[in-house]
Amino acid sequence: LPEDASSLDTVTFAIAFNNMERLRAL
């Protein structure tokens, strides 16, 4: 996972997780 809280990767991951509405196993 991204380490830097201000990185674009962190924002991208957060948005991707938010869009995974049907996620059942993580």
mmCIF file of all heavy atoms, coordinates in Angstrom:
data_MODEL
# 
_entry.id   MODEL 
# 
loop_
_atom_site.group_PDB 
_atom_site.id 
_atom_site.type_symbol 
_atom_site.label_atom_id 
_atom_site.label_alt_id 
_atom_site.label_comp_id 
_atom_site.label_asym_id 
_atom_site.label_entity_id 
_atom_site.label_seq_id 
_atom_site.pdbx_PDB_ins_code 
_atom_site.Cartn_x 
_atom_site.Cartn_y 
_atom_site.Cartn_z 
_atom_site.occupancy 
_atom_site.B_iso_or_equiv 
_atom_site.pdbx_formal_charge 
_atom_site.auth_seq_id 
_atom_site.auth_comp_id 
_atom_site.auth_asym_id 
_atom_site.auth_atom_id 
_atom_site.pdbx_PDB_model_num 
ATOM 1   N N   . LEU A 1 1  ? 0.851   -1.183  0.000  1.00 0.00 ? 1  LEU A N   1 
ATOM 2   C CA  . LEU A 1 1  ? 0.000   0.000   0.000  1.00 0.00 ? 1  LEU A CA  1 
ATOM 3   C C   . LEU A 1 1  ? 0.889   1.236   0.000  1.00 0.00 ? 1  LEU A C   1 
ATOM 4   O O   . LEU A 1 1  ? 2.028   1.178   0.474  1.00 0.00 ? 1  LEU A O   1 
ATOM 5   C CB  . LEU A 1 1  ? -0.886  0.019   1.251  1.00 0.00 ? 1  LEU A CB  1 
ATOM 6   C CG  . LEU A 1 1  ? -1.967  -1.042  1.331  1.00 0.00 ? 1  LEU A CG  1 
ATOM 7   C CD1 . LEU A 1 1  ? -2.665  -0.978  2.688  1.00 0.00 ? 1  LEU A CD1 1 
ATOM 8   C CD2 . LEU A 1 1  ? -2.973  -0.885  0.208  1.00 0.00 ? 1  LEU A CD2 1 
ATOM 9   N N   . PRO A 1 2  ? 0.390   2.346   -0.481 1.00 0.00 ? 2  PRO A N   1 
ATOM 10  C CA  . PRO A 1 2  ? 1.203   3.567   -0.473 1.00 0.00 ? 2  PRO A CA  1 
ATOM 11  C C   . PRO A 1 2  ? 1.505   4.012   0.956  1.00 0.00 ? 2  PRO A C   1 
ATOM 12  O O   . PRO A 1 2  ? 0.668   3.879   1.841  1.00 0.00 ? 2  PRO A O   1 
ATOM 13  C CB  . PRO A 1 2  ? 0.335   4.591   -1.209 1.00 0.00 ? 2  PRO A CB  1 
ATOM 14  C CG  . PRO A 1 2  ? -1.020  4.009   -1.302 1.00 0.00 ? 2  PRO A CG  1 
ATOM 15  C CD  . PRO A 1 2  ? -0.915  2.539   -1.081 1.00 0.00 ? 2  PRO A CD  1 
ATOM 16  N N   . GLU A 1 3  ? 2.702   4.522   1.163  1.00 0.00 ? 3  GLU A N   1 
ATOM 17  C CA  . GLU A 1 3  ? 3.123   4.985   2.494  1.00 0.00 ? 3  GLU A CA  1 
ATOM 18  C C   . GLU A 1 3  ? 2.802   6.457   2.702  1.00 0.00 ? 3  GLU A C   1 
ATOM 19  O O   . GLU A 1 3  ? 2.459   6.869   3.794  1.00 0.00 ? 3  GLU A O   1 
ATOM 20  C CB  . GLU A 1 3  ? 4.631   4.768   2.675  1.00 0.00 ? 3  GLU A CB  1 
ATOM 21  C CG  . GLU A 1 3  ? 5.045   3.320   2.697  1.00 0.00 ? 3  GLU A CG  1 
ATOM 22  C CD  . GLU A 1 3  ? 4.567   2.593   3.942  1.00 0.00 ? 3  GLU A CD  1 
ATOM 23  O OE1 . GLU A 1 3  ? 4.400   3.234   5.003  1.00 0.00 ? 3  GLU A OE1 1 
ATOM 24  O OE2 . GLU A 1 3  ? 4.338   1.380   3.846  1.00 0.00 ? 3  GLU A OE2 1 
ATOM 25  N N   . ASP A 1 4  ? 2.918   7.257   1.656  1.00 0.00 ? 4  ASP A N   1 
ATOM 26  C CA  . ASP A 1 4  ? 2.764   8.701   1.757  1.00 0.00 ? 4  ASP A CA  1 
ATOM 27  C C   . ASP A 1 4  ? 1.289   9.087   1.732  1.00 0.00 ? 4  ASP A C   1 
ATOM 28  O O   . ASP A 1 4  ? 0.585   8.843   0.751  1.00 0.00 ? 4  ASP A O   1 
ATOM 29  C CB  . ASP A 1 4  ? 3.513   9.371   0.597  1.00 0.00 ? 4  ASP A CB  1 
ATOM 30  C CG  . ASP A 1 4  ? 3.462   10.877  0.636  1.00 0.00 ? 4  ASP A CG  1 
ATOM 31  O OD1 . ASP A 1 4  ? 3.004   11.439  1.656  1.00 0.00 ? 4  ASP A OD1 1 
ATOM 32  O OD2 . ASP A 1 4  ? 3.873   11.504  -0.355 1.00 0.00 ? 4  ASP A OD2 1 
ATOM 33  N N   . ALA A 1 5  ? 0.827   9.710   2.809  1.00 0.00 ? 5  ALA A N   1 
ATOM 34  C CA  . ALA A 1 5  ? -0.589  10.084  2.932  1.00 0.00 ? 5  ALA A CA  1 
ATOM 35  C C   . ALA A 1 5  ? -1.025  11.085  1.878  1.00 0.00 ? 5  ALA A C   1 
ATOM 36  O O   . ALA A 1 5  ? -2.201  11.152  1.531  1.00 0.00 ? 5  ALA A O   1 
ATOM 37  C CB  . ALA A 1 5  ? -0.859  10.653  4.325  1.00 0.00 ? 5  ALA A CB  1 
ATOM 38  N N   . SER A 1 6  ? -0.110  11.864  1.359  1.00 0.00 ? 6  SER A N   1 
ATOM 39  C CA  . SER A 1 6  ? -0.481  12.892  0.383  1.00 0.00 ? 6  SER A CA  1 
ATOM 40  C C   . SER A 1 6  ? -0.253  12.449  -1.062 1.00 0.00 ? 6  SER A C   1 
ATOM 41  O O   . SER A 1 6  ? -0.439  13.236  -1.979 1.00 0.00 ? 6  SER A O   1 
ATOM 42  C CB  . SER A 1 6  ? 0.297   14.177  0.662  1.00 0.00 ? 6  SER A CB  1 
ATOM 43  O OG  . SER A 1 6  ? 1.685   13.926  0.511  1.00 0.00 ? 6  SER A OG  1 
ATOM 44  N N   . SER A 1 7  ? 0.116   11.210  -1.252 1.00 0.00 ? 7  SER A N   1 
ATOM 45  C CA  . SER A 1 7  ? 0.436   10.763  -2.606 1.00 0.00 ? 7  SER A CA  1 
ATOM 46  C C   . SER A 1 7  ? -0.818  10.513  -3.432 1.00 0.00 ? 7  SER A C   1 
ATOM 47  O O   . SER A 1 7  ? -1.897  10.226  -2.913 1.00 0.00 ? 7  SER A O   1 
ATOM 48  C CB  . SER A 1 7  ? 1.284   9.490   -2.566 1.00 0.00 ? 7  SER A CB  1 
ATOM 49  O OG  . SER A 1 7  ? 0.474   8.377   -2.266 1.00 0.00 ? 7  SER A OG  1 
ATOM 50  N N   . LEU A 1 8  ? -0.657  10.627  -4.726 1.00 0.00 ? 8  LEU A N   1 
ATOM 51  C CA  . LEU A 1 8  ? -1.741  10.334  -5.654 1.00 0.00 ? 8  LEU A CA  1 
ATOM 52  C C   . LEU A 1 8  ? -2.144  8.866   -5.543 1.00 0.00 ? 8  LEU A C   1 
ATOM 53  O O   . LEU A 1 8  ? -3.321  8.536   -5.672 1.00 0.00 ? 8  LEU A O   1 
ATOM 54  C CB  . LEU A 1 8  ? -1.317  10.675  -7.091 1.00 0.00 ? 8  LEU A CB  1 
ATOM 55  C CG  . LEU A 1 8  ? -2.354  10.470  -8.180 1.00 0.00 ? 8  LEU A CG  1 
ATOM 56  C CD1 . LEU A 1 8  ? -3.616  11.282  -7.882 1.00 0.00 ? 8  LEU A CD1 1 
ATOM 57  C CD2 . LEU A 1 8  ? -1.787  10.839  -9.533 1.00 0.00 ? 8  LEU A CD2 1 
ATOM 58  N N   . ASP A 1 9  ? -1.187  7.995   -5.244 1.00 0.00 ? 9  ASP A N   1 
ATOM 59  C CA  . ASP A 1 9  ? -1.489  6.573   -5.063 1.00 0.00 ? 9  ASP A CA  1 
ATOM 60  C C   . ASP A 1 9  ? -2.472  6.348   -3.920 1.00 0.00 ? 9  ASP A C   1 
ATOM 61  O O   . ASP A 1 9  ? -3.380  5.530   -4.019 1.00 0.00 ? 9  ASP A O   1 
ATOM 62  C CB  . ASP A 1 9  ? -0.212  5.774   -4.793 1.00 0.00 ? 9  ASP A CB  1 
ATOM 63  C CG  . ASP A 1 9  ? 0.689   5.669   -6.010 1.00 0.00 ? 9  ASP A CG  1 
ATOM 64  O OD1 . ASP A 1 9  ? 0.192   5.870   -7.133 1.00 0.00 ? 9  ASP A OD1 1 
ATOM 65  O OD2 . ASP A 1 9  ? 1.880   5.379   -5.824 1.00 0.00 ? 9  ASP A OD2 1 
ATOM 66  N N   . THR A 1 10 ? -2.297  7.074   -2.829 1.00 0.00 ? 10 THR A N   1 
ATOM 67  C CA  . THR A 1 10 ? -3.201  6.938   -1.682 1.00 0.00 ? 10 THR A CA  1 
ATOM 68  C C   . THR A 1 10 ? -4.613  7.333   -2.070 1.00 0.00 ? 10 THR A C   1 
ATOM 69  O O   . THR A 1 10 ? -5.579  6.626   -1.770 1.00 0.00 ? 10 THR A O   1 
ATOM 70  C CB  . THR A 1 10 ? -2.709  7.801   -0.501 1.00 0.00 ? 10 THR A CB  1 
ATOM 71  O OG1 . THR A 1 10 ? -1.402  7.364   -0.131 1.00 0.00 ? 10 THR A OG1 1 
ATOM 72  C CG2 . THR A 1 10 ? -3.649  7.698   0.682  1.00 0.00 ? 10 THR A CG2 1 
ATOM 73  N N   . VAL A 1 11 ? -4.746  8.451   -2.752 1.00 0.00 ? 11 VAL A N   1 
ATOM 74  C CA  . VAL A 1 11 ? -6.064  8.922   -3.199 1.00 0.00 ? 11 VAL A CA  1 
ATOM 75  C C   . VAL A 1 11 ? -6.671  7.922   -4.176 1.00 0.00 ? 11 VAL A C   1 
ATOM 76  O O   . VAL A 1 11 ? -7.858  7.590   -4.090 1.00 0.00 ? 11 VAL A O   1 
ATOM 77  C CB  . VAL A 1 11 ? -5.954  10.330  -3.837 1.00 0.00 ? 11 VAL A CB  1 
ATOM 78  C CG1 . VAL A 1 11 ? -7.277  10.764  -4.454 1.00 0.00 ? 11 VAL A CG1 1 
ATOM 79  C CG2 . VAL A 1 11 ? -5.480  11.341  -2.803 1.00 0.00 ? 11 VAL A CG2 1 
ATOM 80  N N   . THR A 1 12 ? -5.860  7.409   -5.077 1.00 0.00 ? 12 THR A N   1 
ATOM 81  C CA  . THR A 1 12 ? -6.337  6.449   -6.063 1.00 0.00 ? 12 THR A CA  1 
ATOM 82  C C   . THR A 1 12 ? -6.834  5.175   -5.390 1.00 0.00 ? 12 THR A C   1 
ATOM 83  O O   . THR A 1 12 ? -7.897  4.662   -5.730 1.00 0.00 ? 12 THR A O   1 
ATOM 84  C CB  . THR A 1 12 ? -5.211  6.115   -7.076 1.00 0.00 ? 12 THR A CB  1 
ATOM 85  O OG1 . THR A 1 12 ? -4.783  7.327   -7.690 1.00 0.00 ? 12 THR A OG1 1 
ATOM 86  C CG2 . THR A 1 12 ? -5.694  5.153   -8.140 1.00 0.00 ? 12 THR A CG2 1 
ATOM 87  N N   . PHE A 1 13 ? -6.072  4.668   -4.419 1.00 0.00 ? 13 PHE A N   1 
ATOM 88  C CA  . PHE A 1 13 ? -6.500  3.478   -3.678 1.00 0.00 ? 13 PHE A CA  1 
ATOM 89  C C   . PHE A 1 13 ? -7.816  3.741   -2.946 1.00 0.00 ? 13 PHE A C   1 
ATOM 90  O O   . PHE A 1 13 ? -8.728  2.915   -2.978 1.00 0.00 ? 13 PHE A O   1 
ATOM 91  C CB  . PHE A 1 13 ? -5.435  3.057   -2.659 1.00 0.00 ? 13 PHE A CB  1 
ATOM 92  C CG  . PHE A 1 13 ? -4.498  1.993   -3.149 1.00 0.00 ? 13 PHE A CG  1 
ATOM 93  C CD1 . PHE A 1 13 ? -3.305  2.331   -3.764 1.00 0.00 ? 13 PHE A CD1 1 
ATOM 94  C CD2 . PHE A 1 13 ? -4.802  0.658   -2.965 1.00 0.00 ? 13 PHE A CD2 1 
ATOM 95  C CE1 . PHE A 1 13 ? -2.432  1.355   -4.201 1.00 0.00 ? 13 PHE A CE1 1 
ATOM 96  C CE2 . PHE A 1 13 ? -3.930  -0.336  -3.399 1.00 0.00 ? 13 PHE A CE2 1 
ATOM 97  C CZ  . PHE A 1 13 ? -2.753  0.019   -4.025 1.00 0.00 ? 13 PHE A CZ  1 
ATOM 98  N N   . ALA A 1 14 ? -7.917  4.880   -2.278 1.00 0.00 ? 14 ALA A N   1 
ATOM 99  C CA  . ALA A 1 14 ? -9.129  5.195   -1.519 1.00 0.00 ? 14 ALA A CA  1 
ATOM 100 C C   . ALA A 1 14 ? -10.344 5.258   -2.447 1.00 0.00 ? 14 ALA A C   1 
ATOM 101 O O   . ALA A 1 14 ? -11.411 4.728   -2.114 1.00 0.00 ? 14 ALA A O   1 
ATOM 102 C CB  . ALA A 1 14 ? -8.956  6.509   -0.764 1.00 0.00 ? 14 ALA A CB  1 
ATOM 103 N N   . ILE A 1 15 ? -10.193 5.868   -3.582 1.00 0.00 ? 15 ILE A N   1 
ATOM 104 C CA  . ILE A 1 15 ? -11.296 5.952   -4.545 1.00 0.00 ? 15 ILE A CA  1 
ATOM 105 C C   . ILE A 1 15 ? -11.642 4.560   -5.068 1.00 0.00 ? 15 ILE A C   1 
ATOM 106 O O   . ILE A 1 15 ? -12.818 4.206   -5.177 1.00 0.00 ? 15 ILE A O   1 
ATOM 107 C CB  . ILE A 1 15 ? -10.940 6.912   -5.704 1.00 0.00 ? 15 ILE A CB  1 
ATOM 108 C CG1 . ILE A 1 15 ? -10.896 8.349   -5.190 1.00 0.00 ? 15 ILE A CG1 1 
ATOM 109 C CG2 . ILE A 1 15 ? -11.940 6.785   -6.852 1.00 0.00 ? 15 ILE A CG2 1 
ATOM 110 C CD1 . ILE A 1 15 ? -10.310 9.340   -6.181 1.00 0.00 ? 15 ILE A CD1 1 
ATOM 111 N N   . ALA A 1 16 ? -10.621 3.774   -5.381 1.00 0.00 ? 16 ALA A N   1 
ATOM 112 C CA  . ALA A 1 16 ? -10.867 2.417   -5.881 1.00 0.00 ? 16 ALA A CA  1 
ATOM 113 C C   . ALA A 1 16 ? -11.621 1.581   -4.839 1.00 0.00 ? 16 ALA A C   1 
ATOM 114 O O   . ALA A 1 16 ? -12.607 0.915   -5.170 1.00 0.00 ? 16 ALA A O   1 
ATOM 115 C CB  . ALA A 1 16 ? -9.542  1.744   -6.243 1.00 0.00 ? 16 ALA A CB  1 
ATOM 116 N N   . PHE A 1 17 ? -11.191 1.635   -3.574 1.00 0.00 ? 17 PHE A N   1 
ATOM 117 C CA  . PHE A 1 17 ? -11.891 0.892   -2.524 1.00 0.00 ? 17 PHE A CA  1 
ATOM 118 C C   . PHE A 1 17 ? -13.326 1.378   -2.367 1.00 0.00 ? 17 PHE A C   1 
ATOM 119 O O   . PHE A 1 17 ? -14.237 0.591   -2.152 1.00 0.00 ? 17 PHE A O   1 
ATOM 120 C CB  . PHE A 1 17 ? -11.159 0.991   -1.181 1.00 0.00 ? 17 PHE A CB  1 
ATOM 121 C CG  . PHE A 1 17 ? -9.962  0.094   -1.084 1.00 0.00 ? 17 PHE A CG  1 
ATOM 122 C CD1 . PHE A 1 17 ? -8.745  0.593   -0.656 1.00 0.00 ? 17 PHE A CD1 1 
ATOM 123 C CD2 . PHE A 1 17 ? -10.044 -1.253  -1.394 1.00 0.00 ? 17 PHE A CD2 1 
ATOM 124 C CE1 . PHE A 1 17 ? -7.637  -0.222  -0.547 1.00 0.00 ? 17 PHE A CE1 1 
ATOM 125 C CE2 . PHE A 1 17 ? -8.944  -2.086  -1.296 1.00 0.00 ? 17 PHE A CE2 1 
ATOM 126 C CZ  . PHE A 1 17 ? -7.736  -1.566  -0.869 1.00 0.00 ? 17 PHE A CZ  1 
ATOM 127 N N   . ASN A 1 18 ? -13.507 2.667   -2.482 1.00 0.00 ? 18 ASN A N   1 
ATOM 128 C CA  . ASN A 1 18 ? -14.855 3.222   -2.351 1.00 0.00 ? 18 ASN A CA  1 
ATOM 129 C C   . ASN A 1 18 ? -15.763 2.751   -3.485 1.00 0.00 ? 18 ASN A C   1 
ATOM 130 O O   . ASN A 1 18 ? -16.975 2.650   -3.310 1.00 0.00 ? 18 ASN A O   1 
ATOM 131 C CB  . ASN A 1 18 ? -14.787 4.742   -2.307 1.00 0.00 ? 18 ASN A CB  1 
ATOM 132 C CG  . ASN A 1 18 ? -15.966 5.341   -1.600 1.00 0.00 ? 18 ASN A CG  1 
ATOM 133 O OD1 . ASN A 1 18 ? -16.454 4.771   -0.633 1.00 0.00 ? 18 ASN A OD1 1 
ATOM 134 N ND2 . ASN A 1 18 ? -16.425 6.466   -2.072 1.00 0.00 ? 18 ASN A ND2 1 
ATOM 135 N N   . ASN A 1 19 ? -15.189 2.451   -4.634 1.00 0.00 ? 19 ASN A N   1 
ATOM 136 C CA  . ASN A 1 19 ? -15.975 1.988   -5.788 1.00 0.00 ? 19 ASN A CA  1 
ATOM 137 C C   . ASN A 1 19 ? -16.197 0.477   -5.797 1.00 0.00 ? 19 ASN A C   1 
ATOM 138 O O   . ASN A 1 19 ? -16.931 -0.024  -6.636 1.00 0.00 ? 19 ASN A O   1 
ATOM 139 C CB  . ASN A 1 19 ? -15.310 2.420   -7.098 1.00 0.00 ? 19 ASN A CB  1 
ATOM 140 C CG  . ASN A 1 19 ? -15.427 3.908   -7.323 1.00 0.00 ? 19 ASN A CG  1 
ATOM 141 O OD1 . ASN A 1 19 ? -16.380 4.540   -6.886 1.00 0.00 ? 19 ASN A OD1 1 
ATOM 142 N ND2 . ASN A 1 19 ? -14.437 4.482   -7.985 1.00 0.00 ? 19 ASN A ND2 1 
ATOM 143 N N   . MET A 1 20 ? -15.583 -0.232  -4.893 1.00 0.00 ? 20 MET A N   1 
ATOM 144 C CA  . MET A 1 20 ? -15.724 -1.694  -4.835 1.00 0.00 ? 20 MET A CA  1 
ATOM 145 C C   . MET A 1 20 ? -16.905 -2.066  -3.940 1.00 0.00 ? 20 MET A C   1 
ATOM 146 O O   . MET A 1 20 ? -16.763 -2.739  -2.919 1.00 0.00 ? 20 MET A O   1 
ATOM 147 C CB  . MET A 1 20 ? -14.441 -2.343  -4.321 1.00 0.00 ? 20 MET A CB  1 
ATOM 148 C CG  . MET A 1 20 ? -13.271 -2.195  -5.235 1.00 0.00 ? 20 MET A CG  1 
ATOM 149 S SD  . MET A 1 20 ? -11.829 -3.049  -4.548 1.00 0.00 ? 20 MET A SD  1 
ATOM 150 C CE  . MET A 1 20 ? -10.542 -2.407  -5.582 1.00 0.00 ? 20 MET A CE  1 
ATOM 151 N N   . GLU A 1 21 ? -18.087 -1.675  -4.321 1.00 0.00 ? 21 GLU A N   1 
ATOM 152 C CA  . GLU A 1 21 ? -19.283 -1.871  -3.505 1.00 0.00 ? 21 GLU A CA  1 
ATOM 153 C C   . GLU A 1 21 ? -19.611 -3.336  -3.254 1.00 0.00 ? 21 GLU A C   1 
ATOM 154 O O   . GLU A 1 21 ? -20.253 -3.661  -2.261 1.00 0.00 ? 21 GLU A O   1 
ATOM 155 C CB  . GLU A 1 21 ? -20.471 -1.182  -4.160 1.00 0.00 ? 21 GLU A CB  1 
ATOM 156 C CG  . GLU A 1 21 ? -20.326 0.317   -4.226 1.00 0.00 ? 21 GLU A CG  1 
ATOM 157 C CD  . GLU A 1 21 ? -21.417 0.976   -5.041 1.00 0.00 ? 21 GLU A CD  1 
ATOM 158 O OE1 . GLU A 1 21 ? -22.319 0.276   -5.531 1.00 0.00 ? 21 GLU A OE1 1 
ATOM 159 O OE2 . GLU A 1 21 ? -21.359 2.204   -5.194 1.00 0.00 ? 21 GLU A OE2 1 
ATOM 160 N N   . ARG A 1 22 ? -19.205 -4.204  -4.144 1.00 0.00 ? 22 ARG A N   1 
ATOM 161 C CA  . ARG A 1 22 ? -19.537 -5.633  -4.007 1.00 0.00 ? 22 ARG A CA  1 
ATOM 162 C C   . ARG A 1 22 ? -18.386 -6.471  -3.466 1.00 0.00 ? 22 ARG A C   1 
ATOM 163 O O   . ARG A 1 22 ? -18.453 -7.695  -3.490 1.00 0.00 ? 22 ARG A O   1 
ATOM 164 C CB  . ARG A 1 22 ? -19.991 -6.183  -5.354 1.00 0.00 ? 22 ARG A CB  1 
ATOM 165 C CG  . ARG A 1 22 ? -21.278 -5.525  -5.792 1.00 0.00 ? 22 ARG A CG  1 
ATOM 166 C CD  . ARG A 1 22 ? -21.844 -6.173  -6.993 1.00 0.00 ? 22 ARG A CD  1 
ATOM 167 N NE  . ARG A 1 22 ? -23.090 -5.508  -7.339 1.00 0.00 ? 22 ARG A NE  1 
ATOM 168 C CZ  . ARG A 1 22 ? -23.650 -5.585  -8.504 1.00 0.00 ? 22 ARG A CZ  1 
ATOM 169 N NH1 . ARG A 1 22 ? -23.097 -6.306  -9.452 1.00 0.00 ? 22 ARG A NH1 1 
ATOM 170 N NH2 . ARG A 1 22 ? -24.763 -4.951  -8.739 1.00 0.00 ? 22 ARG A NH2 1 
ATOM 171 N N   . LEU A 1 23 ? -17.360 -5.815  -2.963 1.00 0.00 ? 23 LEU A N   1 
ATOM 172 C CA  . LEU A 1 23 ? -16.205 -6.517  -2.418 1.00 0.00 ? 23 LEU A CA  1 
ATOM 173 C C   . LEU A 1 23 ? -16.634 -7.364  -1.217 1.00 0.00 ? 23 LEU A C   1 
ATOM 174 O O   . LEU A 1 23 ? -17.347 -6.893  -0.337 1.00 0.00 ? 23 LEU A O   1 
ATOM 175 C CB  . LEU A 1 23 ? -15.140 -5.504  -1.982 1.00 0.00 ? 23 LEU A CB  1 
ATOM 176 C CG  . LEU A 1 23 ? -13.790 -6.078  -1.592 1.00 0.00 ? 23 LEU A CG  1 
ATOM 177 C CD1 . LEU A 1 23 ? -13.113 -6.727  -2.792 1.00 0.00 ? 23 LEU A CD1 1 
ATOM 178 C CD2 . LEU A 1 23 ? -12.901 -4.983  -1.022 1.00 0.00 ? 23 LEU A CD2 1 
ATOM 179 N N   . ARG A 1 24 ? -16.212 -8.626  -1.197 1.00 0.00 ? 24 ARG A N   1 
ATOM 180 C CA  . ARG A 1 24 ? -16.566 -9.536  -0.104 1.00 0.00 ? 24 ARG A CA  1 
ATOM 181 C C   . ARG A 1 24 ? -15.337 -10.084 0.616  1.00 0.00 ? 24 ARG A C   1 
ATOM 182 O O   . ARG A 1 24 ? -15.435 -10.463 1.776  1.00 0.00 ? 24 ARG A O   1 
ATOM 183 C CB  . ARG A 1 24 ? -17.414 -10.709 -0.621 1.00 0.00 ? 24 ARG A CB  1 
ATOM 184 C CG  . ARG A 1 24 ? -18.753 -10.296 -1.181 1.00 0.00 ? 24 ARG A CG  1 
ATOM 185 C CD  . ARG A 1 24 ? -19.628 -9.653  -0.100 1.00 0.00 ? 24 ARG A CD  1 
ATOM 186 N NE  . ARG A 1 24 ? -20.865 -9.124  -0.631 1.00 0.00 ? 24 ARG A NE  1 
ATOM 187 C CZ  . ARG A 1 24 ? -21.104 -7.839  -0.871 1.00 0.00 ? 24 ARG A CZ  1 
ATOM 188 N NH1 . ARG A 1 24 ? -20.184 -6.936  -0.639 1.00 0.00 ? 24 ARG A NH1 1 
ATOM 189 N NH2 . ARG A 1 24 ? -22.258 -7.434  -1.339 1.00 0.00 ? 24 ARG A NH2 1 
ATOM 190 N N   . ALA A 1 25 ? -14.188 -10.148 -0.068 1.00 0.00 ? 25 ALA A N   1 
ATOM 191 C CA  . ALA A 1 25 ? -12.963 -10.673 0.542  1.00 0.00 ? 25 ALA A CA  1 
ATOM 192 C C   . ALA A 1 25 ? -11.819 -9.713  0.248  1.00 0.00 ? 25 ALA A C   1 
ATOM 193 O O   . ALA A 1 25 ? -11.614 -9.321  -0.902 1.00 0.00 ? 25 ALA A O   1 
ATOM 194 C CB  . ALA A 1 25 ? -12.647 -12.057 -0.007 1.00 0.00 ? 25 ALA A CB  1 
ATOM 195 N N   . LEU A 1 26 ? -11.092 -9.330  1.288  1.00 0.00 ? 26 LEU A N   1 
ATOM 196 C CA  . LEU A 1 26 ? -10.028 -8.345  1.152  1.00 0.00 ? 26 LEU A CA  1 
ATOM 197 C C   . LEU A 1 26 ? -8.787  -8.823  1.890  1.00 0.00 ? 26 LEU A C   1 
ATOM 198 O O   . LEU A 1 26 ? -8.866  -9.252  3.050  1.00 0.00 ? 26 LEU A O   1 
ATOM 199 C CB  . LEU A 1 26 ? -10.496 -7.004  1.737  1.00 0.00 ? 26 LEU A CB  1 
ATOM 200 C CG  . LEU A 1 26 ? -9.510  -5.843  1.733  1.00 0.00 ? 26 LEU A CG  1 
ATOM 201 C CD1 . LEU A 1 26 ? -9.096  -5.472  0.305  1.00 0.00 ? 26 LEU A CD1 1 
ATOM 202 C CD2 . LEU A 1 26 ? -10.126 -4.626  2.437  1.00 0.00 ? 26 LEU A CD2 1 
# 
